[in-house]
């Protein structure tokens, strides 16, 4: 994500005011859509993790004989839970990356507007 962010910022540095006006709202909207999708997925993942933990706890309340009988299922569920947690954590990390990229993009747009104002290419009453 860092290289795509740097690439986006280098493109922003060449935009005109009209280009920035067109680009920024669309980019912010798309990034917000990605963040919303990941946030919804994260909430759903947390719920499913809770369900898996409850099921594991239920198996642990079985008699020793029953636990031995279903050990392969319990082990499999524990592995799935570990994978679910890893996927959710990656999603959360990606979400924070999108947020950071959005902030950096907006800062780059504001810097570009300031640069255009300094060059006298746009009026001061924006």
Protein backbone atom coordinates (compact mmCIF):
# COMPACT_ATOMS: atom_id res chain seq x y z
CA UNK A 1 0.00 0.00 0.00
CA UNK A 2 2.91 2.34 0.65
CA UNK A 3 4.11 2.27 -2.96
CA UNK A 4 0.60 2.92 -4.31
CA UNK A 5 0.25 5.78 -1.82
CA UNK A 6 3.53 7.32 -2.97
CA UNK A 7 2.45 6.90 -6.58
CA UNK A 8 -0.88 8.60 -5.87
CA UNK A 9 0.86 11.51 -4.13
CA UNK A 10 3.24 11.98 -7.08
CA UNK A 11 0.23 12.13 -9.41
CA UNK A 12 -1.51 14.64 -7.12
CA UNK A 13 1.56 16.88 -7.26
CA UNK A 14 0.95 17.34 -11.01
CA UNK A 15 -2.80 18.03 -10.86
CA UNK A 16 -4.47 21.33 -11.61
CA UNK A 17 -7.07 22.77 -9.26
CA UNK A 18 -9.81 21.32 -11.46
CA UNK A 19 -8.08 17.94 -11.33
CA UNK A 20 -7.89 18.07 -7.54
CA UNK A 21 -11.55 19.13 -7.35
CA UNK A 22 -12.55 16.11 -9.41
CA UNK A 23 -10.13 13.61 -7.87
CA UNK A 24 -10.38 14.20 -4.14
CA UNK A 25 -14.13 13.62 -3.56
CA UNK A 26 -14.13 10.45 -5.67
CA UNK A 27 -10.99 9.07 -4.03
CA UNK A 28 -12.27 9.84 -0.52
CA UNK A 29 -15.63 8.21 -1.30
CA UNK A 30 -14.01 5.03 -2.66
CA UNK A 31 -11.62 4.76 0.28
CA UNK A 32 -14.53 5.24 2.69
CA UNK A 33 -16.40 2.44 0.91
CA UNK A 34 -13.39 0.12 1.40
CA UNK A 35 -13.12 1.13 5.06
CA UNK A 36 -16.85 0.49 5.59
CA UNK A 37 -16.63 -2.95 3.97
CA UNK A 38 -13.62 -3.92 6.09
CA UNK A 39 -15.25 -2.56 9.26
CA UNK A 40 -18.42 -4.56 8.58
CA UNK A 41 -16.36 -7.66 7.85
CA UNK A 42 -14.38 -7.13 11.06
CA UNK A 43 -17.54 -6.87 13.15
CA UNK A 44 -18.90 -10.04 11.55
CA UNK A 45 -15.59 -11.83 12.11
CA UNK A 46 -15.60 -10.92 15.80
CA UNK A 47 -19.11 -12.36 16.13
CA UNK A 48 -18.07 -15.60 14.41
CA UNK A 49 -14.95 -15.83 16.58
CA UNK A 50 -17.22 -15.63 19.62
CA UNK A 51 -19.41 -18.40 18.22
CA UNK A 52 -16.36 -20.59 17.62
CA UNK A 53 -15.09 -19.95 21.16
CA UNK A 54 -18.51 -20.87 22.56
CA UNK A 55 -18.51 -24.11 20.59
CA UNK A 56 -15.01 -24.96 21.82
CA UNK A 57 -16.10 -24.24 25.40
CA UNK A 58 -19.12 -26.49 24.90
CA UNK A 59 -16.90 -29.37 23.73
CA UNK A 60 -14.67 -28.88 26.77
CA UNK A 61 -17.68 -29.41 29.03
CA UNK A 62 -18.20 -32.90 27.59
CA UNK A 63 -17.02 -35.98 29.42
CA UNK A 64 -13.43 -37.09 28.84
CA UNK A 65 -14.67 -39.94 26.64
CA UNK A 66 -16.75 -37.58 24.48
CA UNK A 67 -13.86 -35.13 24.25
CA UNK A 68 -11.60 -37.91 22.94
CA UNK A 69 -14.32 -38.93 20.50
CA UNK A 70 -14.62 -35.39 19.09
CA UNK A 71 -10.98 -34.34 19.51
CA UNK A 72 -10.37 -34.07 15.76
CA UNK A 73 -13.37 -31.73 15.44
CA UNK A 74 -12.22 -29.64 18.38
CA UNK A 75 -8.68 -29.39 17.00
CA UNK A 76 -10.02 -28.48 13.57
CA UNK A 77 -12.25 -25.79 15.03
CA UNK A 78 -9.33 -24.36 17.01
CA UNK A 79 -7.25 -24.15 13.80
CA UNK A 80 -10.12 -22.45 11.98
CA UNK A 81 -10.46 -19.99 14.86
CA UNK A 82 -6.75 -19.15 14.63
CA UNK A 83 -7.11 -18.51 10.88
CA UNK A 84 -10.21 -16.38 11.46
CA UNK A 85 -8.35 -14.24 13.99
CA UNK A 86 -5.38 -13.82 11.63
CA UNK A 87 -7.67 -12.77 8.77
CA UNK A 88 -9.55 -10.30 10.95
CA UNK A 89 -6.31 -8.79 12.24
CA UNK A 90 -5.06 -8.39 8.65
CA UNK A 91 -8.34 -6.70 7.73
CA UNK A 92 -7.98 -4.30 10.65
CA UNK A 93 -4.41 -3.52 9.58
CA UNK A 94 -5.58 -2.91 6.00
CA UNK A 95 -8.34 -0.63 7.27
CA UNK A 96 -5.84 1.49 9.19
CA UNK A 97 -3.66 1.59 6.06
CA UNK A 98 -6.58 2.87 3.98
CA UNK A 99 -7.30 5.52 6.59
CA UNK A 100 -3.67 6.63 6.63
CA UNK A 101 -3.55 6.69 2.83
CA UNK A 102 -6.71 8.80 2.74
CA UNK A 103 -5.23 11.32 5.18
CA UNK A 104 -1.96 11.49 3.24
CA UNK A 105 -3.84 11.95 -0.01
CA UNK A 106 -5.89 14.80 1.42
CA UNK A 107 -2.74 16.45 2.81
CA UNK A 108 -1.08 16.13 -0.61
CA UNK A 109 -4.10 17.78 -2.24
CA UNK A 110 -4.02 20.64 0.26
CA UNK A 111 -0.27 21.07 -0.31
CA UNK A 112 -0.84 21.14 -4.07
CA UNK A 113 -3.51 23.83 -3.67
CA UNK A 114 -1.11 25.87 -1.51
CA UNK A 115 1.63 25.47 -4.14
CA UNK A 116 -0.74 26.63 -6.88
CA UNK A 117 -1.72 29.64 -4.76
CA UNK A 118 1.95 30.54 -4.19
CA UNK A 119 2.58 30.38 -7.93
CA UNK A 120 -0.41 32.66 -8.47
CA UNK A 121 -2.15 30.06 -10.61
CA UNK A 122 -5.33 30.26 -8.53
CA UNK A 123 -7.01 32.96 -6.51
CA UNK A 124 -6.75 33.20 -2.75
CA UNK A 125 -10.55 32.99 -2.23
CA UNK A 126 -10.96 29.24 -2.50
